[in-house]
Each structure stands twice: as C-alpha cells, then as structure tokens.
Protein backbone atom coordinates (compact mmCIF):
# COMPACT_ATOMS: atom_id res chain seq x y z
CA UNK A 1 -9.91 0.50 -11.45
CA UNK A 2 -12.17 -1.10 -9.13
CA UNK A 3 -14.46 1.34 -7.32
CA UNK A 4 -14.19 -0.84 -3.87
CA UNK A 5 -10.54 -0.67 -2.75
CA UNK A 6 -9.46 -1.93 0.83
CA UNK A 7 -8.31 0.73 2.96
CA UNK A 8 -4.68 0.83 4.29
CA UNK A 9 -3.02 3.05 6.89
CA UNK A 10 0.20 4.72 6.35
CA UNK A 11 1.83 2.13 8.74
CA UNK A 12 0.36 -0.77 6.69
CA UNK A 13 1.69 0.89 3.57
CA UNK A 14 5.17 1.14 4.99
CA UNK A 15 5.48 -2.56 5.67
CA UNK A 16 5.14 -3.06 1.68
CA UNK A 17 8.45 -1.66 1.21
CA UNK A 18 10.14 -4.59 -0.62
CA UNK A 19 11.95 -5.65 2.70
CA UNK A 20 9.64 -6.14 5.59
CA UNK A 21 7.02 -7.93 3.21
CA UNK A 22 7.45 -9.02 -0.32
CA UNK A 23 4.96 -6.55 -1.78
CA UNK A 24 6.26 -3.45 -3.05
CA UNK A 25 3.55 -0.67 -2.98
CA UNK A 26 3.54 3.05 -3.36
CA UNK A 27 0.66 5.69 -2.85
CA UNK A 28 -0.24 8.45 -5.01
CA UNK A 29 -3.07 10.89 -4.47
CA UNK A 30 -4.77 8.50 -2.11
CA UNK A 31 -4.40 5.45 -4.27
CA UNK A 32 -2.03 2.54 -3.37
CA UNK A 33 -0.39 0.82 -6.34
CA UNK A 34 1.43 -2.47 -6.45
CA UNK A 35 4.74 -1.88 -8.29
CA UNK A 36 6.15 -5.34 -7.07
CA UNK A 37 6.75 -6.53 -10.66
CA UNK A 38 8.36 -3.36 -11.94
CA UNK A 39 12.13 -3.94 -12.62
CA UNK A 40 12.49 -0.26 -11.65
CA UNK A 41 11.49 -0.92 -8.15
CA UNK A 42 13.73 -3.62 -7.12
CA UNK A 43 14.28 -4.08 -3.42
CA UNK A 44 11.85 -1.20 -2.83
CA UNK A 45 13.89 1.70 -4.30
CA UNK A 46 13.44 3.71 -7.53
CA UNK A 47 16.21 6.20 -7.84
CA UNK A 48 15.93 8.30 -4.71
CA UNK A 49 12.34 7.01 -4.05
CA UNK A 50 11.52 4.45 -1.43
CA UNK A 51 8.49 2.29 -1.73
CA UNK A 52 5.97 1.98 1.13
CA UNK A 53 5.41 5.73 1.06
CA UNK A 54 3.06 8.35 -0.39
CA UNK A 55 4.84 9.59 -3.20
CA UNK A 56 2.22 12.43 -4.13
CA UNK A 57 4.66 15.42 -3.22
CA UNK A 58 7.87 13.63 -4.59
CA UNK A 59 6.24 13.23 -8.07
CA UNK A 60 6.39 16.96 -8.68
CA UNK A 61 9.98 16.64 -9.19
CA UNK A 62 10.09 13.34 -11.25
CA UNK A 63 10.94 13.45 -14.85
CA UNK A 64 7.58 11.57 -15.74
CA UNK A 65 3.77 12.40 -15.05
CA UNK A 66 1.11 10.68 -12.95
CA UNK A 67 0.29 8.63 -16.09
CA UNK A 68 3.14 6.42 -14.94
CA UNK A 69 0.57 4.80 -12.39
CA UNK A 70 -1.76 3.51 -15.20
CA UNK A 71 0.85 0.72 -15.69
CA UNK A 72 0.18 -0.53 -12.12
CA UNK A 73 -2.73 -2.22 -10.41
CA UNK A 74 -4.54 -0.12 -7.76
CA UNK A 75 -4.69 -2.28 -4.61
CA UNK A 76 -6.08 -0.02 -2.06
CA UNK A 77 -6.83 3.54 -0.74
CA UNK A 78 -4.67 5.34 1.76
CA UNK A 79 -6.34 6.40 4.88
CA UNK A 80 -5.03 9.18 7.00
C-alpha cells in the first residue's frame, strides 16, 4: 500500500456507493478500499452492508476478519 494516499471526506466516500458514481468504495480503520471489481459488492450492496460508508464498526459482526481488505486496492484515507 502506498504511504501517500489522497484524502477523502465522508461525503466524498458516500458518493462512491455504486449508484451515484461508478466506483464502489468502503472504508475500514481510516483507509478507503476500492471494491468495484468484487462480485460480492454488485450495485453497492454486500449482504446488509452498503458501500460508500465506513465499515469499521460493522466488521465486528462479520463472519470474516479484516484480512478480507488485503484483496482490495487502497485508494485513499478517510478524513473526519
């Protein structure tokens, strides 16, 4: 992962929900990942999770660990 990532606000992340813009992004622990190519994120939804959001808290209830994000390209940092 590159140490220099572009910063995005929550509003900018929210637009990458698979509907407002073509990109499908999610954030976890301050890093934004591009999940556009994942067949599990079609139309910006993955089970009960929606793209364009910070999924840090939601991951606690997921059946997988944070290692799942290693499959995806980090595209930015979430700023608060």
